[in-house]
Amino acid sequence: MDGMNADGRDGIYVLETEQIIGSAFSVINSVGHGFREKIYENALVVDFGYHDIPFLQQPSYPIHYREVKVGEFIPDLIVFEKVVVDTKTIERITDHEIGQMLNYLRVTRLQVGLILNFKHSKLEFRRVTLLQKSVTPS
């Protein structure tokens, strides 16, 4: 996948994503694993409030096709006005979820996404970035 990085070595908003992951660990350690995704989304909101982490829950982004609005995308959370956070309770994070996150980043015009999987006792997470290609004048 060109222009994509899923290992976090790009250096974009690393401190912010570390804080979000820290909150996710607090949530899974306290709430446990395997519940519905909405429980984890709401628990993260509580933890973000406790730590003064700015967030938007379920903001709406229009989807256009040929300049006509055809629907909307509503991410779970936008954190620090920079990071799309998607809570999951799935068997494991695959290329499918990474591909979805890339679409979410394009729609929101943000560069960093975090997929948090609360299905198992050990938190699984993937940091995905949409790297902007710079154009060098000739």
N, C-alpha and C. Protein backbone atom coordinates (compact mmCIF):
# COMPACT_ATOMS: atom_id res chain seq x y z
N MET A 1 0.85 -1.17 0.00
CA MET A 1 0.00 0.00 0.00
C MET A 1 0.89 1.23 0.00
N ASP A 2 0.89 1.93 -1.08
CA ASP A 2 1.76 3.08 -1.24
C ASP A 2 1.29 4.22 -0.35
N GLY A 3 2.25 4.93 0.25
CA GLY A 3 1.91 6.08 1.07
C GLY A 3 1.31 5.73 2.42
N MET A 4 1.51 4.49 2.87
CA MET A 4 0.93 4.06 4.12
C MET A 4 2.01 3.49 5.02
N ASN A 5 1.85 3.71 6.31
CA ASN A 5 2.79 3.17 7.28
C ASN A 5 1.97 2.63 8.43
N ALA A 6 2.17 1.37 8.77
CA ALA A 6 1.39 0.78 9.86
C ALA A 6 2.25 0.36 11.03
N ASP A 7 3.47 0.88 11.12
CA ASP A 7 4.31 0.46 12.24
C ASP A 7 4.69 1.61 13.17
N GLY A 8 4.28 2.84 12.86
CA GLY A 8 4.50 3.95 13.77
C GLY A 8 5.86 4.58 13.70
N ARG A 9 6.71 4.17 12.76
CA ARG A 9 8.06 4.71 12.70
C ARG A 9 8.15 6.02 11.91
N ASP A 10 7.01 6.57 11.55
CA ASP A 10 7.01 7.80 10.76
C ASP A 10 7.20 9.04 11.63
N GLY A 11 7.00 8.91 12.93
CA GLY A 11 7.22 10.03 13.84
C GLY A 11 6.09 11.03 13.94
N ILE A 12 4.95 10.76 13.28
CA ILE A 12 3.82 11.71 13.31
C ILE A 12 2.95 11.43 14.52
N TYR A 13 2.82 12.41 15.40
CA TYR A 13 1.92 12.35 16.57
C TYR A 13 2.14 11.12 17.44
N VAL A 14 3.40 10.73 17.61
CA VAL A 14 3.72 9.55 18.41
C VAL A 14 3.31 9.75 19.87
N LEU A 15 3.59 10.91 20.45
CA LEU A 15 3.23 11.15 21.85
C LEU A 15 1.72 11.07 22.06
N GLU A 16 0.97 11.62 21.10
CA GLU A 16 -0.48 11.60 21.20
C GLU A 16 -1.01 10.16 21.13
N THR A 17 -0.47 9.38 20.18
CA THR A 17 -0.96 8.01 20.07
C THR A 17 -0.54 7.17 21.28
N GLU A 18 0.62 7.46 21.85
CA GLU A 18 1.02 6.76 23.07
C GLU A 18 0.06 7.05 24.22
N GLN A 19 -0.40 8.30 24.33
CA GLN A 19 -1.37 8.64 25.39
C GLN A 19 -2.69 7.90 25.17
N ILE A 20 -3.13 7.82 23.92
CA ILE A 20 -4.38 7.12 23.60
C ILE A 20 -4.24 5.63 23.92
N ILE A 21 -3.13 5.04 23.55
CA ILE A 21 -2.89 3.62 23.83
C ILE A 21 -2.83 3.39 25.34
N GLY A 22 -2.23 4.31 26.08
CA GLY A 22 -2.21 4.22 27.54
C GLY A 22 -3.62 4.19 28.11
N SER A 23 -4.49 5.05 27.58
CA SER A 23 -5.89 5.04 28.02
C SER A 23 -6.55 3.71 27.68
N ALA A 24 -6.25 3.17 26.50
CA ALA A 24 -6.84 1.89 26.10
C ALA A 24 -6.39 0.76 27.04
N PHE A 25 -5.12 0.78 27.45
CA PHE A 25 -4.66 -0.22 28.42
C PHE A 25 -5.39 -0.06 29.75
N SER A 26 -5.59 1.17 30.20
CA SER A 26 -6.34 1.39 31.44
C SER A 26 -7.74 0.83 31.33
N VAL A 27 -8.38 1.06 30.19
CA VAL A 27 -9.75 0.59 29.98
C VAL A 27 -9.81 -0.94 29.99
N ILE A 28 -8.95 -1.59 29.22
CA ILE A 28 -9.04 -3.06 29.16
C ILE A 28 -8.67 -3.69 30.50
N ASN A 29 -7.73 -3.07 31.22
CA ASN A 29 -7.35 -3.61 32.53
C ASN A 29 -8.47 -3.46 33.55
N SER A 30 -9.28 -2.43 33.40
CA SER A 30 -10.36 -2.19 34.36
C SER A 30 -11.67 -2.86 33.94
N VAL A 31 -12.07 -2.65 32.69
CA VAL A 31 -13.36 -3.15 32.21
C VAL A 31 -13.30 -4.64 31.85
N GLY A 32 -12.15 -5.07 31.35
CA GLY A 32 -12.02 -6.44 30.87
C GLY A 32 -12.15 -6.46 29.35
N HIS A 33 -12.15 -7.65 28.78
CA HIS A 33 -12.17 -7.78 27.32
C HIS A 33 -13.43 -8.48 26.84
N GLY A 34 -13.72 -8.32 25.53
CA GLY A 34 -14.77 -9.09 24.89
C GLY A 34 -16.16 -8.51 24.89
N PHE A 35 -16.35 -7.31 25.42
CA PHE A 35 -17.67 -6.69 25.39
C PHE A 35 -17.90 -6.03 24.03
N ARG A 36 -19.04 -5.39 23.85
CA ARG A 36 -19.34 -4.67 22.61
C ARG A 36 -18.42 -3.46 22.46
N GLU A 37 -18.16 -3.10 21.21
CA GLU A 37 -17.24 -1.99 20.90
C GLU A 37 -17.66 -0.69 21.59
N LYS A 38 -18.96 -0.42 21.65
CA LYS A 38 -19.45 0.85 22.20
C LYS A 38 -19.03 1.03 23.66
N ILE A 39 -18.94 -0.06 24.41
CA ILE A 39 -18.51 0.01 25.81
C ILE A 39 -17.10 0.57 25.89
N TYR A 40 -16.22 0.11 25.00
CA TYR A 40 -14.83 0.57 25.01
C TYR A 40 -14.71 2.01 24.52
N GLU A 41 -15.50 2.35 23.52
CA GLU A 41 -15.52 3.74 23.05
C GLU A 41 -15.93 4.67 24.20
N ASN A 42 -17.01 4.31 24.91
CA ASN A 42 -17.49 5.15 26.01
C ASN A 42 -16.50 5.17 27.17
N ALA A 43 -15.85 4.05 27.45
CA ALA A 43 -14.86 4.01 28.54
C ALA A 43 -13.65 4.87 28.18
N LEU A 44 -13.24 4.85 26.91
CA LEU A 44 -12.14 5.73 26.48
C LEU A 44 -12.50 7.19 26.68
N VAL A 45 -13.74 7.55 26.37
CA VAL A 45 -14.20 8.93 26.56
C VAL A 45 -14.06 9.33 28.03
N VAL A 46 -14.44 8.43 28.93
CA VAL A 46 -14.30 8.71 30.37
C VAL A 46 -12.83 8.91 30.73
N ASP A 47 -11.97 8.02 30.23
CA ASP A 47 -10.54 8.13 30.54
C ASP A 47 -9.93 9.40 29.93
N PHE A 48 -10.33 9.73 28.71
CA PHE A 48 -9.82 10.96 28.09
C PHE A 48 -10.21 12.17 28.92
N GLY A 49 -11.45 12.20 29.41
CA GLY A 49 -11.89 13.30 30.26
C GLY A 49 -11.08 13.39 31.54
N TYR A 50 -10.78 12.25 32.12
CA TYR A 50 -10.00 12.19 33.35
C TYR A 50 -8.60 12.74 33.14
N HIS A 51 -8.03 12.53 31.95
CA HIS A 51 -6.67 12.96 31.64
C HIS A 51 -6.60 14.25 30.81
N ASP A 52 -7.75 14.94 30.68
CA ASP A 52 -7.81 16.18 29.90
C ASP A 52 -7.30 16.00 28.46
N ILE A 53 -7.64 14.88 27.85
CA ILE A 53 -7.30 14.61 26.46
C ILE A 53 -8.48 15.08 25.61
N PRO A 54 -8.27 16.03 24.70
CA PRO A 54 -9.38 16.53 23.89
C PRO A 54 -9.85 15.50 22.87
N PHE A 55 -11.17 15.38 22.68
CA PHE A 55 -11.72 14.40 21.75
C PHE A 55 -13.09 14.86 21.25
N LEU A 56 -13.48 14.29 20.14
CA LEU A 56 -14.85 14.39 19.63
C LEU A 56 -15.36 12.97 19.50
N GLN A 57 -16.56 12.71 20.00
CA GLN A 57 -17.15 11.38 19.88
C GLN A 57 -18.20 11.40 18.78
N GLN A 58 -18.08 10.50 17.82
CA GLN A 58 -19.03 10.32 16.73
C GLN A 58 -19.27 11.59 15.90
N PRO A 59 -18.21 12.31 15.51
CA PRO A 59 -18.43 13.45 14.63
C PRO A 59 -18.82 12.95 13.23
N SER A 60 -19.45 13.81 12.44
CA SER A 60 -19.93 13.41 11.13
C SER A 60 -19.11 14.07 10.02
N TYR A 61 -18.75 13.26 9.02
CA TYR A 61 -18.01 13.74 7.85
C TYR A 61 -18.79 13.35 6.60
N PRO A 62 -19.11 14.32 5.73
CA PRO A 62 -19.87 13.98 4.52
C PRO A 62 -19.02 13.18 3.53
N ILE A 63 -19.68 12.27 2.82
CA ILE A 63 -19.06 11.51 1.73
C ILE A 63 -19.68 12.01 0.43
N HIS A 64 -18.83 12.43 -0.50
CA HIS A 64 -19.31 12.95 -1.79
C HIS A 64 -18.88 12.05 -2.94
N TYR A 65 -19.74 11.99 -3.92
CA TYR A 65 -19.41 11.34 -5.19
C TYR A 65 -19.85 12.30 -6.29
N ARG A 66 -18.92 12.70 -7.13
CA ARG A 66 -19.20 13.66 -8.19
C ARG A 66 -19.87 14.92 -7.64
N GLU A 67 -19.32 15.38 -6.53
CA GLU A 67 -19.76 16.61 -5.87
C GLU A 67 -21.17 16.54 -5.29
N VAL A 68 -21.71 15.33 -5.16
CA VAL A 68 -23.02 15.13 -4.55
C VAL A 68 -22.82 14.35 -3.26
N LYS A 69 -23.42 14.84 -2.16
CA LYS A 69 -23.32 14.12 -0.89
C LYS A 69 -24.12 12.82 -0.99
N VAL A 70 -23.43 11.70 -0.78
CA VAL A 70 -24.08 10.40 -0.89
C VAL A 70 -24.20 9.70 0.47
N GLY A 71 -23.69 10.32 1.49
CA GLY A 71 -23.76 9.73 2.82
C GLY A 71 -22.81 10.42 3.75
N GLU A 72 -22.57 9.77 4.88
CA GLU A 72 -21.64 10.35 5.84
C GLU A 72 -20.87 9.25 6.54
N PHE A 73 -19.69 9.61 7.00
CA PHE A 73 -18.85 8.71 7.79
C PHE A 73 -18.83 9.26 9.21
N ILE A 74 -19.07 8.39 10.17
CA ILE A 74 -19.07 8.80 11.58
C ILE A 74 -18.04 7.94 12.31
N PRO A 75 -16.83 8.49 12.51
CA PRO A 75 -15.81 7.72 13.24
C PRO A 75 -16.16 7.62 14.72
N ASP A 76 -15.60 6.61 15.39
CA ASP A 76 -15.83 6.47 16.83
C ASP A 76 -15.34 7.73 17.54
N LEU A 77 -14.07 8.06 17.35
CA LEU A 77 -13.46 9.17 18.08
C LEU A 77 -12.43 9.88 17.21
N ILE A 78 -12.36 11.19 17.36
CA ILE A 78 -11.25 11.99 16.85
C ILE A 78 -10.58 12.56 18.09
N VAL A 79 -9.30 12.25 18.28
CA VAL A 79 -8.62 12.62 19.52
C VAL A 79 -7.49 13.59 19.20
N PHE A 80 -7.34 14.61 20.03
CA PHE A 80 -6.34 15.67 19.85
C PHE A 80 -6.55 16.42 18.52
N GLU A 81 -7.74 16.30 17.93
CA GLU A 81 -8.02 16.90 16.63
C GLU A 81 -7.08 16.38 15.55
N LYS A 82 -6.40 15.24 15.80
CA LYS A 82 -5.36 14.74 14.92
C LYS A 82 -5.46 13.25 14.62
N VAL A 83 -6.08 12.48 15.49
CA VAL A 83 -6.01 11.02 15.41
C VAL A 83 -7.42 10.42 15.34
N VAL A 84 -7.66 9.61 14.30
CA VAL A 84 -8.90 8.85 14.21
C VAL A 84 -8.72 7.58 15.04
N VAL A 85 -9.63 7.34 15.98
CA VAL A 85 -9.56 6.15 16.82
C VAL A 85 -10.76 5.28 16.51
N ASP A 86 -10.49 4.02 16.17
CA ASP A 86 -11.53 3.06 15.84
C ASP A 86 -11.46 1.91 16.85
N THR A 87 -12.51 1.75 17.65
CA THR A 87 -12.54 0.66 18.63
C THR A 87 -13.13 -0.59 17.96
N LYS A 88 -12.53 -1.72 18.24
CA LYS A 88 -12.95 -2.99 17.64
C LYS A 88 -13.01 -4.08 18.71
N THR A 89 -13.86 -5.07 18.46
CA THR A 89 -13.83 -6.34 19.19
C THR A 89 -13.91 -7.43 18.13
N ILE A 90 -12.77 -7.67 17.48
CA ILE A 90 -12.67 -8.62 16.37
C ILE A 90 -11.58 -9.63 16.70
N GLU A 91 -11.54 -10.71 15.96
CA GLU A 91 -10.55 -11.76 16.24
C GLU A 91 -9.13 -11.22 16.17
N ARG A 92 -8.82 -10.47 15.10
CA ARG A 92 -7.52 -9.81 15.01
C ARG A 92 -7.60 -8.71 13.97
N ILE A 93 -6.70 -7.74 14.06
CA ILE A 93 -6.64 -6.64 13.10
C ILE A 93 -5.96 -7.15 11.84
N THR A 94 -6.63 -6.98 10.69
CA THR A 94 -6.10 -7.48 9.42
C THR A 94 -5.92 -6.32 8.43
N ASP A 95 -5.47 -6.66 7.24
CA ASP A 95 -5.34 -5.66 6.18
C ASP A 95 -6.68 -5.00 5.87
N HIS A 96 -7.78 -5.70 6.08
CA HIS A 96 -9.11 -5.13 5.85
C HIS A 96 -9.33 -3.90 6.75
N GLU A 97 -9.04 -4.05 8.04
CA GLU A 97 -9.22 -2.92 8.97
C GLU A 97 -8.24 -1.80 8.67
N ILE A 98 -7.03 -2.15 8.28
CA ILE A 98 -6.04 -1.13 7.91
C ILE A 98 -6.52 -0.37 6.67
N GLY A 99 -7.07 -1.08 5.70
CA GLY A 99 -7.62 -0.43 4.51
C GLY A 99 -8.77 0.49 4.84
N GLN A 100 -9.65 0.04 5.75
CA GLN A 100 -10.74 0.90 6.21
C GLN A 100 -10.19 2.17 6.84
N MET A 101 -9.19 2.02 7.70
CA MET A 101 -8.62 3.19 8.37
C MET A 101 -8.03 4.16 7.36
N LEU A 102 -7.39 3.66 6.31
CA LEU A 102 -6.86 4.55 5.27
C LEU A 102 -7.98 5.37 4.64
N ASN A 103 -9.13 4.74 4.40
CA ASN A 103 -10.28 5.48 3.88
C ASN A 103 -10.76 6.52 4.88
N TYR A 104 -10.80 6.14 6.17
CA TYR A 104 -11.22 7.08 7.21
C TYR A 104 -10.30 8.30 7.24
N LEU A 105 -9.00 8.05 7.09
CA LEU A 105 -8.04 9.16 7.11
C LEU A 105 -8.25 10.06 5.90
N ARG A 106 -8.52 9.48 4.76
CA ARG A 106 -8.76 10.31 3.56
C ARG A 106 -10.00 11.18 3.75
N VAL A 107 -11.07 10.60 4.28
CA VAL A 107 -12.32 11.34 4.46
C VAL A 107 -12.17 12.46 5.49
N THR A 108 -11.48 12.17 6.59
CA THR A 108 -11.33 13.17 7.66
C THR A 108 -10.20 14.16 7.38
N ARG A 109 -9.37 13.85 6.38
CA ARG A 109 -8.19 14.66 6.03
C ARG A 109 -7.18 14.71 7.18
N LEU A 110 -7.15 13.62 7.96
CA LEU A 110 -6.16 13.49 9.03
C LEU A 110 -5.11 12.48 8.57
N GLN A 111 -3.98 12.45 9.27
CA GLN A 111 -2.87 11.61 8.84
C GLN A 111 -2.64 10.37 9.69
N VAL A 112 -3.21 10.34 10.90
CA VAL A 112 -2.91 9.24 11.82
C VAL A 112 -4.20 8.59 12.31
N GLY A 113 -4.20 7.26 12.28
CA GLY A 113 -5.32 6.49 12.81
C GLY A 113 -4.82 5.43 13.77
N LEU A 114 -5.68 5.07 14.70
CA LEU A 114 -5.33 4.06 15.69
C LEU A 114 -6.49 3.08 15.77
N ILE A 115 -6.20 1.81 15.50
CA ILE A 115 -7.19 0.74 15.62
C ILE A 115 -6.92 0.04 16.94
N LEU A 116 -7.92 0.01 17.81
CA LEU A 116 -7.78 -0.60 19.14
C LEU A 116 -8.72 -1.80 19.21
N ASN A 117 -8.16 -2.98 19.43
CA ASN A 117 -8.96 -4.21 19.48
C ASN A 117 -9.03 -4.73 20.91
N PHE A 118 -10.25 -4.73 21.46
CA PHE A 118 -10.48 -5.14 22.85
C PHE A 118 -11.06 -6.55 22.97
N LYS A 119 -10.95 -7.36 21.94
CA LYS A 119 -11.57 -8.70 21.93
C LYS A 119 -10.93 -9.65 22.95
N HIS A 120 -9.60 -9.60 23.06
CA HIS A 120 -8.88 -10.56 23.90
C HIS A 120 -8.31 -9.87 25.13
N SER A 121 -7.79 -10.67 26.06
CA SER A 121 -7.27 -10.11 27.31
C SER A 121 -6.06 -9.20 27.08
N LYS A 122 -5.34 -9.42 25.98
CA LYS A 122 -4.21 -8.55 25.65
C LYS A 122 -4.67 -7.57 24.57
N LEU A 123 -4.60 -6.28 24.87
CA LEU A 123 -4.99 -5.25 23.91
C LEU A 123 -4.16 -5.39 22.63
N GLU A 124 -4.83 -5.36 21.49
CA GLU A 124 -4.14 -5.34 20.20
C GLU A 124 -4.38 -3.96 19.60
N PHE A 125 -3.33 -3.36 19.06
CA PHE A 125 -3.51 -2.05 18.44
C PHE A 125 -2.61 -1.92 17.22
N ARG A 126 -3.06 -1.11 16.29
CA ARG A 126 -2.27 -0.80 15.10
C ARG A 126 -2.37 0.69 14.85
N ARG A 127 -1.25 1.28 14.61
CA ARG A 127 -1.14 2.70 14.29
C ARG A 127 -0.96 2.78 12.78
N VAL A 128 -1.82 3.53 12.12
CA VAL A 128 -1.80 3.63 10.66
C VAL A 128 -1.65 5.10 10.28
N THR A 129 -0.76 5.38 9.35
CA THR A 129 -0.60 6.77 8.91
C THR A 129 -0.76 6.86 7.40
N LEU A 130 -1.35 7.95 7.00
CA LEU A 130 -1.49 8.27 5.59
C LEU A 130 -0.46 9.34 5.31
N LEU A 131 0.64 8.94 4.72
CA LEU A 131 1.74 9.86 4.49
C LEU A 131 1.44 10.73 3.27
N GLN A 132 1.56 12.02 3.47
CA GLN A 132 1.33 12.96 2.37
C GLN A 132 2.59 13.04 1.54
N LYS A 133 2.43 12.90 0.25
CA LYS A 133 3.58 13.01 -0.65
C LYS A 133 3.83 14.48 -0.94
N SER A 134 5.06 14.91 -0.74
CA SER A 134 5.38 16.29 -1.04
C SER A 134 5.82 16.41 -2.49
N VAL A 135 5.42 17.49 -3.10
CA VAL A 135 5.78 17.74 -4.49
C VAL A 135 6.93 18.72 -4.49
N THR A 136 8.02 18.32 -5.12
CA THR A 136 9.20 19.19 -5.20
C THR A 136 9.13 19.97 -6.50
N PRO A 137 9.21 21.32 -6.42
CA PRO A 137 9.15 22.10 -7.66
C PRO A 137 10.38 21.82 -8.51
N SER A 138 10.16 21.76 -9.84
CA SER A 138 11.29 21.47 -10.73
C SER A 138 11.88 22.74 -11.30
